[in-house]
Amino acid sequence: MLILLLVILAAVFAVAAMRAGRLLTSAIWLAGVSALVSVVCYILGAHQVAVIELSVGAGLVTVLFVFAISIAGDDRIEMKSVIPWPLVIGITAMTMLLLGWYLLPALASQVVNTPVNGSLSDVLWQNRGLDVLVQVVLIFAGVLGLLGLLAEVKPPLQGSAAEEISAARERELQAMEDQFIDDEAGKS
């Protein structure tokens, strides 16, 4: 019953992410969907998948979205739907019926009742400690890479290194010009 509640809540979060008027709000709803999916995966016994979904889906992807939104701007979206509402309601109802068709028998027979070996901290730091550390390193590498890209105030061709190269080239050209003038003066 808890799994069905979490799946329904994740579906509600997904609909809220699609219906949100602002991109930042939509990214937060999407992070909620990913977090709920990771909880469902953990309850079903897929601990590795749950850790990866939580760290990448709710962590890194949300950070990437927030940075991209901060660069592009968070303007309010005013768009009319191109899909007719009766079709949307029909497809949504069909999806919910199929989801119930496949989930309810499994919940009624309790086939998915997998015993959890220990607490979440035991699973994360003792059984899957290396996986968690690799995920943390990947998240930090992604965040630091984005910060490096976003921290540059000037475009790459207008930075201090480009100015130094340009000044050195100007000095070389000036020296070549002076030498050419001296050679021409010496020939006359």
Protein backbone atom coordinates (compact mmCIF):
# COMPACT_ATOMS: atom_id res chain seq x y z
CA MET A 1 0.00 0.00 0.00
CA LEU A 2 2.90 2.34 0.78
CA ILE A 3 4.42 1.71 -2.65
CA LEU A 4 1.14 2.57 -4.39
CA LEU A 5 0.88 5.77 -2.36
CA LEU A 6 4.44 6.76 -3.26
CA VAL A 7 3.86 6.03 -6.97
CA ILE A 8 0.68 8.11 -6.96
CA LEU A 9 2.50 10.92 -5.15
CA ALA A 10 5.33 10.75 -7.71
CA ALA A 11 2.75 10.98 -10.51
CA VAL A 12 1.21 14.03 -8.84
CA PHE A 13 4.66 15.63 -8.55
CA ALA A 14 5.31 14.86 -12.24
CA VAL A 15 2.06 16.52 -13.28
CA ALA A 16 2.92 19.51 -11.08
CA ALA A 17 6.33 19.72 -12.78
CA MET A 18 4.68 19.83 -16.19
CA ARG A 19 2.04 22.35 -15.12
CA ALA A 20 4.38 24.72 -13.26
CA GLY A 21 4.52 28.21 -14.70
CA ARG A 22 8.19 28.78 -13.87
CA LEU A 23 11.16 26.63 -14.80
CA LEU A 24 12.71 26.70 -11.33
CA THR A 25 9.49 25.45 -9.75
CA SER A 26 9.32 22.72 -12.36
CA ALA A 27 12.91 21.63 -11.58
CA ILE A 28 12.07 21.37 -7.87
CA TRP A 29 8.98 19.24 -8.61
CA LEU A 30 11.12 17.02 -10.84
CA ALA A 31 13.62 16.55 -8.00
CA GLY A 32 10.70 15.46 -5.82
CA VAL A 33 9.68 12.87 -8.42
CA SER A 34 13.21 11.52 -8.50
CA ALA A 35 13.41 11.35 -4.71
CA LEU A 36 10.10 9.46 -4.49
CA VAL A 37 11.18 7.02 -7.21
CA SER A 38 14.40 6.37 -5.29
CA VAL A 39 12.39 5.63 -2.12
CA VAL A 40 10.23 3.17 -4.07
CA CYS A 41 13.35 1.49 -5.47
CA TYR A 42 14.81 1.22 -1.95
CA ILE A 43 11.62 -0.33 -0.58
CA LEU A 44 11.55 -2.83 -3.46
CA GLY A 45 15.08 -3.92 -2.62
CA ALA A 46 17.00 -2.22 -5.43
CA HIS A 47 19.36 -0.38 -3.10
CA GLN A 48 22.00 0.46 -5.71
CA VAL A 49 19.43 1.84 -8.11
CA ALA A 50 17.90 3.89 -5.29
CA VAL A 51 21.25 5.44 -4.38
CA ILE A 52 22.08 6.26 -7.99
CA GLU A 53 18.62 7.69 -8.65
CA LEU A 54 18.77 9.84 -5.54
CA SER A 55 22.27 11.15 -6.17
CA VAL A 56 22.08 11.66 -9.92
CA GLY A 57 18.36 12.23 -10.48
CA ALA A 58 17.54 14.35 -7.46
CA GLY A 59 21.04 15.72 -6.92
CA LEU A 60 23.15 16.36 -9.98
CA VAL A 61 20.34 16.85 -12.51
CA THR A 62 18.60 19.34 -10.22
CA VAL A 63 21.84 21.29 -9.76
CA LEU A 64 22.35 21.33 -13.54
CA PHE A 65 18.79 22.54 -14.11
CA VAL A 66 19.08 25.29 -11.51
CA PHE A 67 22.36 26.54 -13.02
CA ALA A 68 20.94 26.42 -16.54
CA ILE A 69 17.83 28.27 -15.41
CA SER A 70 19.91 30.88 -13.61
CA ILE A 71 21.81 31.51 -16.86
CA ALA A 72 18.80 31.51 -19.19
CA GLY A 73 16.42 33.29 -16.84
CA ASP A 74 13.23 32.14 -15.19
CA ASP A 75 10.51 33.85 -17.19
CA ARG A 76 6.90 32.89 -16.72
CA ILE A 77 5.68 30.53 -19.43
CA GLU A 78 2.30 31.38 -20.94
CA MET A 79 1.49 28.65 -23.44
CA LYS A 80 -1.73 27.03 -24.47
CA SER A 81 -1.80 23.26 -24.72
CA VAL A 82 -1.64 21.86 -28.22
CA ILE A 83 -3.18 18.56 -27.13
CA PRO A 84 -6.96 18.63 -26.55
CA TRP A 85 -8.02 18.19 -22.91
CA PRO A 86 -10.26 15.13 -23.53
CA LEU A 87 -7.27 13.32 -25.06
CA VAL A 88 -5.05 14.29 -22.12
CA ILE A 89 -7.61 13.06 -19.61
CA GLY A 90 -8.17 9.84 -21.57
CA ILE A 91 -4.45 9.02 -21.83
CA THR A 92 -3.93 9.82 -18.15
CA ALA A 93 -6.85 7.63 -17.11
CA MET A 94 -5.59 4.78 -19.30
CA THR A 95 -2.12 5.08 -17.80
CA MET A 96 -3.51 4.99 -14.26
CA LEU A 97 -5.66 1.96 -15.07
CA LEU A 98 -2.70 0.09 -16.54
CA LEU A 99 -0.54 1.05 -13.57
CA GLY A 100 -3.22 -0.23 -11.20
CA TRP A 101 -3.66 -3.38 -13.29
CA TYR A 102 0.02 -4.25 -12.86
CA LEU A 103 0.59 -2.98 -9.30
CA LEU A 104 -2.50 -4.12 -7.42
CA PRO A 105 -2.00 -7.89 -7.88
CA ALA A 106 1.60 -7.56 -6.72
CA LEU A 107 0.56 -5.55 -3.69
CA ALA A 108 -2.28 -7.93 -2.82
CA SER A 109 -0.09 -11.03 -2.92
CA GLN A 110 2.86 -9.28 -1.22
CA VAL A 111 5.29 -10.78 -3.74
CA VAL A 112 7.46 -7.68 -3.56
CA ASN A 113 8.05 -8.01 0.16
CA THR A 114 11.87 -8.02 0.20
CA PRO A 115 13.51 -7.93 3.60
CA VAL A 116 15.80 -4.97 4.12
CA ASN A 117 19.14 -5.89 5.62
CA GLY A 118 19.82 -3.15 8.14
CA SER A 119 19.12 0.54 8.13
CA LEU A 120 19.68 2.99 5.32
CA SER A 121 22.99 4.13 6.77
CA ASP A 122 24.23 0.52 6.97
CA VAL A 123 23.31 -0.12 3.35
CA LEU A 124 24.81 3.16 2.13
CA TRP A 125 28.06 3.32 4.08
CA GLN A 126 28.92 -0.32 4.79
CA ASN A 127 27.48 -2.41 1.98
CA ARG A 128 27.59 0.16 -0.82
CA GLY A 129 30.13 2.66 0.53
CA LEU A 130 32.33 2.73 -2.56
CA ASP A 131 29.35 3.33 -4.87
CA VAL A 132 28.17 6.22 -2.72
CA LEU A 133 31.63 7.79 -2.68
CA VAL A 134 31.88 7.51 -6.47
CA GLN A 135 28.48 9.19 -6.80
CA VAL A 136 29.54 11.98 -4.44
CA VAL A 137 32.72 12.54 -6.47
CA LEU A 138 30.69 12.65 -9.70
CA ILE A 139 28.26 15.17 -8.25
CA PHE A 140 31.07 17.41 -6.98
CA ALA A 141 32.91 17.13 -10.30
CA GLY A 142 29.77 18.18 -12.15
CA VAL A 143 29.10 21.08 -9.80
CA LEU A 144 32.72 22.28 -9.89
CA GLY A 145 32.76 21.99 -13.68
CA LEU A 146 29.66 24.14 -13.90
CA LEU A 147 31.07 26.65 -11.46
CA GLY A 148 34.22 26.83 -13.56
CA LEU A 149 32.17 27.50 -16.67
CA LEU A 150 29.96 30.06 -14.99
CA ALA A 151 32.70 31.86 -13.03
CA GLU A 152 34.38 33.27 -16.14
CA VAL A 153 33.45 36.94 -16.39
CA LYS A 154 34.99 37.61 -19.81
CA PRO A 155 34.65 35.37 -22.85
CA PRO A 156 37.65 33.06 -23.34
CA LEU A 157 39.18 35.17 -26.14
CA GLN A 158 39.12 38.35 -24.07
CA GLY A 159 40.74 37.00 -20.90
CA SER A 160 44.11 38.02 -19.49
CA ALA A 161 46.00 35.20 -21.25
CA ALA A 162 44.63 36.32 -24.62
CA GLU A 163 45.60 39.93 -23.83
CA GLU A 164 49.16 38.86 -23.00
CA ILE A 165 49.47 36.86 -26.23
CA SER A 166 48.03 39.75 -28.22
CA ALA A 167 50.45 42.24 -26.61
CA ALA A 168 53.44 39.95 -27.26
CA ARG A 169 52.38 39.58 -30.90
CA GLU A 170 52.05 43.35 -31.24
CA ARG A 171 55.58 43.80 -29.84
CA GLU A 172 56.93 41.21 -32.29
CA LEU A 173 55.18 42.89 -35.21
CA GLN A 174 56.49 46.28 -34.10
CA ALA A 175 60.04 44.89 -33.86
CA MET A 176 59.72 43.35 -37.33
CA GLU A 177 58.44 46.65 -38.72
CA ASP A 178 61.29 48.59 -37.09
CA GLN A 179 63.82 46.10 -38.50
CA PHE A 180 62.26 46.40 -41.97
CA ILE A 181 62.44 50.19 -41.79
CA ASP A 182 66.09 50.03 -40.64
CA ASP A 183 66.93 47.61 -43.48
CA GLU A 184 65.24 49.87 -46.03
CA ALA A 185 67.09 52.87 -44.62
CA GLY A 186 70.39 50.94 -44.79
CA LYS A 187 69.81 50.06 -48.48
CA SER A 188 69.25 53.68 -49.45
